[in-house]
Amino acid sequence: MSYTLPFSDYIDMATKTKRRYGKGAQKKVEKVMREFKKGKLKMGRSGKKVKSRKQAIAIGLSEARKEGKKVPKPKKKR
């Protein structure tokens, strides 16, 4: 037996949730991913070429954070 929520409950849930990332941050990550796919994205001081998709996303989020876009704080390392 499966139970589904009424449509009005789905709308209530959608209005209560808020975006974690702003549109500006999303655009920044898209721009960085384009650079990554072209092979032109470089790491910080060393200037080495980025090889990992995850690393490219992290760079995009970091740059968005520096520009003041809406991006959550990075997870703390233990």
N, C-alpha and C. Protein backbone atom coordinates (compact mmCIF):
# COMPACT_ATOMS: atom_id res chain seq x y z
N MET A 1 0.84 -1.17 0.00
CA MET A 1 0.00 0.00 0.00
C MET A 1 0.89 1.25 0.00
N SER A 2 0.69 2.10 -0.96
CA SER A 2 1.47 3.33 -1.01
C SER A 2 0.57 4.52 -0.72
N TYR A 3 1.14 5.49 -0.06
CA TYR A 3 0.39 6.68 0.31
C TYR A 3 1.00 7.89 -0.37
N THR A 4 0.20 8.68 -1.04
CA THR A 4 0.70 9.89 -1.68
C THR A 4 0.08 11.11 -1.02
N LEU A 5 0.82 12.18 -1.00
CA LEU A 5 0.35 13.43 -0.39
C LEU A 5 -0.62 14.14 -1.33
N PRO A 6 -1.59 14.84 -0.78
CA PRO A 6 -2.45 15.67 -1.63
C PRO A 6 -1.62 16.78 -2.27
N PHE A 7 -2.10 17.29 -3.40
CA PHE A 7 -1.38 18.30 -4.17
C PHE A 7 -1.07 19.54 -3.34
N SER A 8 -2.00 19.96 -2.48
CA SER A 8 -1.79 21.16 -1.66
C SER A 8 -0.62 21.00 -0.71
N ASP A 9 -0.38 19.77 -0.23
CA ASP A 9 0.77 19.52 0.65
C ASP A 9 2.09 19.67 -0.10
N TYR A 10 2.11 19.26 -1.38
CA TYR A 10 3.32 19.42 -2.18
C TYR A 10 3.65 20.90 -2.36
N ILE A 11 2.62 21.71 -2.59
CA ILE A 11 2.82 23.15 -2.76
C ILE A 11 3.34 23.76 -1.46
N ASP A 12 2.79 23.33 -0.31
CA ASP A 12 3.27 23.83 0.98
C ASP A 12 4.75 23.49 1.18
N MET A 13 5.13 22.27 0.82
CA MET A 13 6.52 21.85 0.98
C MET A 13 7.43 22.68 0.08
N ALA A 14 6.97 22.96 -1.14
CA ALA A 14 7.79 23.72 -2.10
C ALA A 14 7.99 25.16 -1.65
N THR A 15 6.99 25.75 -1.03
CA THR A 15 7.13 27.14 -0.60
C THR A 15 7.99 27.26 0.65
N LYS A 16 8.06 26.22 1.44
CA LYS A 16 8.86 26.26 2.67
C LYS A 16 10.35 26.08 2.39
N THR A 17 10.67 25.37 1.33
CA THR A 17 12.09 25.16 1.00
C THR A 17 12.62 26.39 0.29
N LYS A 18 13.90 26.69 0.52
CA LYS A 18 14.49 27.84 -0.17
C LYS A 18 15.74 27.39 -0.90
N ARG A 19 16.13 28.18 -1.88
CA ARG A 19 17.29 27.83 -2.70
C ARG A 19 18.56 27.89 -1.87
N ARG A 20 19.42 26.92 -2.07
CA ARG A 20 20.72 26.93 -1.38
C ARG A 20 21.71 27.80 -2.12
N TYR A 21 21.60 27.81 -3.45
CA TYR A 21 22.53 28.56 -4.28
C TYR A 21 21.76 29.61 -5.08
N GLY A 22 22.33 30.80 -5.20
CA GLY A 22 21.69 31.86 -5.97
C GLY A 22 21.94 31.66 -7.46
N LYS A 23 21.19 32.41 -8.26
CA LYS A 23 21.34 32.30 -9.73
C LYS A 23 22.73 32.76 -10.17
N GLY A 24 23.29 33.76 -9.48
CA GLY A 24 24.63 34.24 -9.83
C GLY A 24 25.67 33.17 -9.63
N ALA A 25 25.52 32.39 -8.55
CA ALA A 25 26.46 31.30 -8.29
C ALA A 25 26.33 30.22 -9.35
N GLN A 26 25.11 29.95 -9.77
CA GLN A 26 24.87 28.94 -10.79
C GLN A 26 25.54 29.35 -12.10
N LYS A 27 25.42 30.63 -12.47
CA LYS A 27 26.04 31.11 -13.70
C LYS A 27 27.55 31.03 -13.63
N LYS A 28 28.10 31.33 -12.45
CA LYS A 28 29.55 31.27 -12.27
C LYS A 28 30.06 29.84 -12.46
N VAL A 29 29.35 28.88 -11.88
CA VAL A 29 29.76 27.47 -12.01
C VAL A 29 29.64 27.04 -13.47
N GLU A 30 28.57 27.48 -14.15
CA GLU A 30 28.43 27.13 -15.57
C GLU A 30 29.61 27.66 -16.39
N LYS A 31 30.01 28.89 -16.11
CA LYS A 31 31.13 29.50 -16.83
C LYS A 31 32.42 28.71 -16.59
N VAL A 32 32.66 28.35 -15.33
CA VAL A 32 33.86 27.59 -14.98
C VAL A 32 33.83 26.21 -15.63
N MET A 33 32.66 25.59 -15.69
CA MET A 33 32.56 24.26 -16.31
C MET A 33 32.84 24.33 -17.81
N ARG A 34 32.45 25.43 -18.45
CA ARG A 34 32.76 25.61 -19.87
C ARG A 34 34.27 25.69 -20.07
N GLU A 35 34.94 26.45 -19.18
CA GLU A 35 36.40 26.54 -19.24
C GLU A 35 37.03 25.17 -19.04
N PHE A 36 36.50 24.42 -18.08
CA PHE A 36 37.02 23.08 -17.77
C PHE A 36 36.89 22.16 -18.98
N LYS A 37 35.74 22.20 -19.62
CA LYS A 37 35.51 21.31 -20.77
C LYS A 37 36.41 21.68 -21.96
N LYS A 38 36.74 22.97 -22.08
CA LYS A 38 37.65 23.40 -23.15
C LYS A 38 39.10 23.09 -22.80
N GLY A 39 39.36 22.80 -21.49
CA GLY A 39 40.72 22.49 -21.06
C GLY A 39 41.52 23.72 -20.70
N LYS A 40 40.84 24.83 -20.40
CA LYS A 40 41.54 26.08 -20.10
C LYS A 40 41.48 26.47 -18.63
N LEU A 41 40.86 25.66 -17.81
CA LEU A 41 40.73 25.99 -16.38
C LEU A 41 42.00 25.59 -15.64
N LYS A 42 42.55 26.54 -14.89
CA LYS A 42 43.80 26.31 -14.14
C LYS A 42 43.54 26.44 -12.65
N MET A 43 44.37 25.73 -11.85
CA MET A 43 44.31 25.82 -10.40
C MET A 43 44.97 27.09 -9.91
N GLY A 44 44.75 27.41 -8.65
CA GLY A 44 45.25 28.61 -8.00
C GLY A 44 46.66 29.05 -8.34
N ARG A 45 47.55 29.01 -7.38
CA ARG A 45 48.91 29.55 -7.57
C ARG A 45 49.76 28.71 -8.50
N SER A 46 49.58 27.41 -8.45
CA SER A 46 50.44 26.54 -9.26
C SER A 46 50.16 26.69 -10.74
N GLY A 47 48.91 27.00 -11.10
CA GLY A 47 48.56 27.17 -12.51
C GLY A 47 48.43 25.86 -13.26
N LYS A 48 48.34 24.74 -12.51
CA LYS A 48 48.19 23.44 -13.16
C LYS A 48 46.78 23.29 -13.72
N LYS A 49 46.67 22.48 -14.75
CA LYS A 49 45.38 22.24 -15.39
C LYS A 49 44.48 21.40 -14.48
N VAL A 50 43.20 21.79 -14.37
CA VAL A 50 42.25 21.04 -13.54
C VAL A 50 41.82 19.80 -14.31
N LYS A 51 41.87 18.64 -13.65
CA LYS A 51 41.54 17.38 -14.31
C LYS A 51 40.22 16.78 -13.82
N SER A 52 39.76 17.21 -12.65
CA SER A 52 38.58 16.61 -12.04
C SER A 52 37.36 17.52 -12.17
N ARG A 53 36.22 16.93 -12.48
CA ARG A 53 34.95 17.67 -12.58
C ARG A 53 34.57 18.27 -11.24
N LYS A 54 34.73 17.49 -10.18
CA LYS A 54 34.41 17.97 -8.82
C LYS A 54 35.27 19.17 -8.45
N GLN A 55 36.52 19.11 -8.82
CA GLN A 55 37.44 20.20 -8.52
C GLN A 55 37.03 21.47 -9.26
N ALA A 56 36.57 21.31 -10.49
CA ALA A 56 36.12 22.46 -11.28
C ALA A 56 34.91 23.12 -10.63
N ILE A 57 33.97 22.31 -10.15
CA ILE A 57 32.79 22.84 -9.47
C ILE A 57 33.20 23.57 -8.20
N ALA A 58 34.13 23.00 -7.46
CA ALA A 58 34.60 23.63 -6.22
C ALA A 58 35.24 24.99 -6.51
N ILE A 59 35.98 25.09 -7.60
CA ILE A 59 36.60 26.36 -7.98
C ILE A 59 35.52 27.39 -8.31
N GLY A 60 34.50 26.96 -9.06
CA GLY A 60 33.40 27.86 -9.41
C GLY A 60 32.66 28.38 -8.20
N LEU A 61 32.39 27.49 -7.24
CA LEU A 61 31.70 27.90 -6.01
C LEU A 61 32.56 28.84 -5.18
N SER A 62 33.85 28.55 -5.14
CA SER A 62 34.77 29.40 -4.39
C SER A 62 34.82 30.81 -4.98
N GLU A 63 34.88 30.90 -6.31
CA GLU A 63 34.90 32.21 -6.97
C GLU A 63 33.59 32.95 -6.74
N ALA A 64 32.47 32.23 -6.78
CA ALA A 64 31.16 32.85 -6.53
C ALA A 64 31.08 33.38 -5.10
N ARG A 65 31.64 32.62 -4.17
CA ARG A 65 31.66 33.02 -2.76
C ARG A 65 32.45 34.33 -2.59
N LYS A 66 33.60 34.42 -3.28
CA LYS A 66 34.44 35.62 -3.21
C LYS A 66 33.72 36.84 -3.78
N GLU A 67 32.88 36.63 -4.79
CA GLU A 67 32.13 37.72 -5.41
C GLU A 67 30.89 38.11 -4.61
N GLY A 68 30.60 37.35 -3.55
CA GLY A 68 29.46 37.67 -2.69
C GLY A 68 28.14 37.07 -3.13
N LYS A 69 28.18 36.07 -3.99
CA LYS A 69 26.96 35.39 -4.43
C LYS A 69 26.44 34.50 -3.31
N LYS A 70 25.17 34.07 -3.44
CA LYS A 70 24.57 33.24 -2.40
C LYS A 70 25.04 31.79 -2.57
N VAL A 71 25.98 31.41 -1.72
CA VAL A 71 26.55 30.06 -1.73
C VAL A 71 26.74 29.64 -0.28
N PRO A 72 26.31 28.42 0.11
CA PRO A 72 26.53 28.01 1.50
C PRO A 72 28.02 27.90 1.84
N LYS A 73 28.32 27.99 3.12
CA LYS A 73 29.71 27.87 3.57
C LYS A 73 30.23 26.48 3.24
N PRO A 74 31.54 26.35 2.96
CA PRO A 74 32.09 25.03 2.70
C PRO A 74 32.03 24.15 3.94
N LYS A 75 31.91 22.84 3.72
CA LYS A 75 31.85 21.91 4.85
C LYS A 75 33.19 21.94 5.59
N LYS A 76 33.12 21.86 6.90
CA LYS A 76 34.34 21.88 7.74
C LYS A 76 35.05 20.54 7.63
N LYS A 77 36.37 20.59 7.55
CA LYS A 77 37.17 19.36 7.58
C LYS A 77 37.50 19.03 9.01
N ARG A 78 37.51 17.78 9.32
CA ARG A 78 37.78 17.36 10.70
C ARG A 78 39.25 17.23 10.97
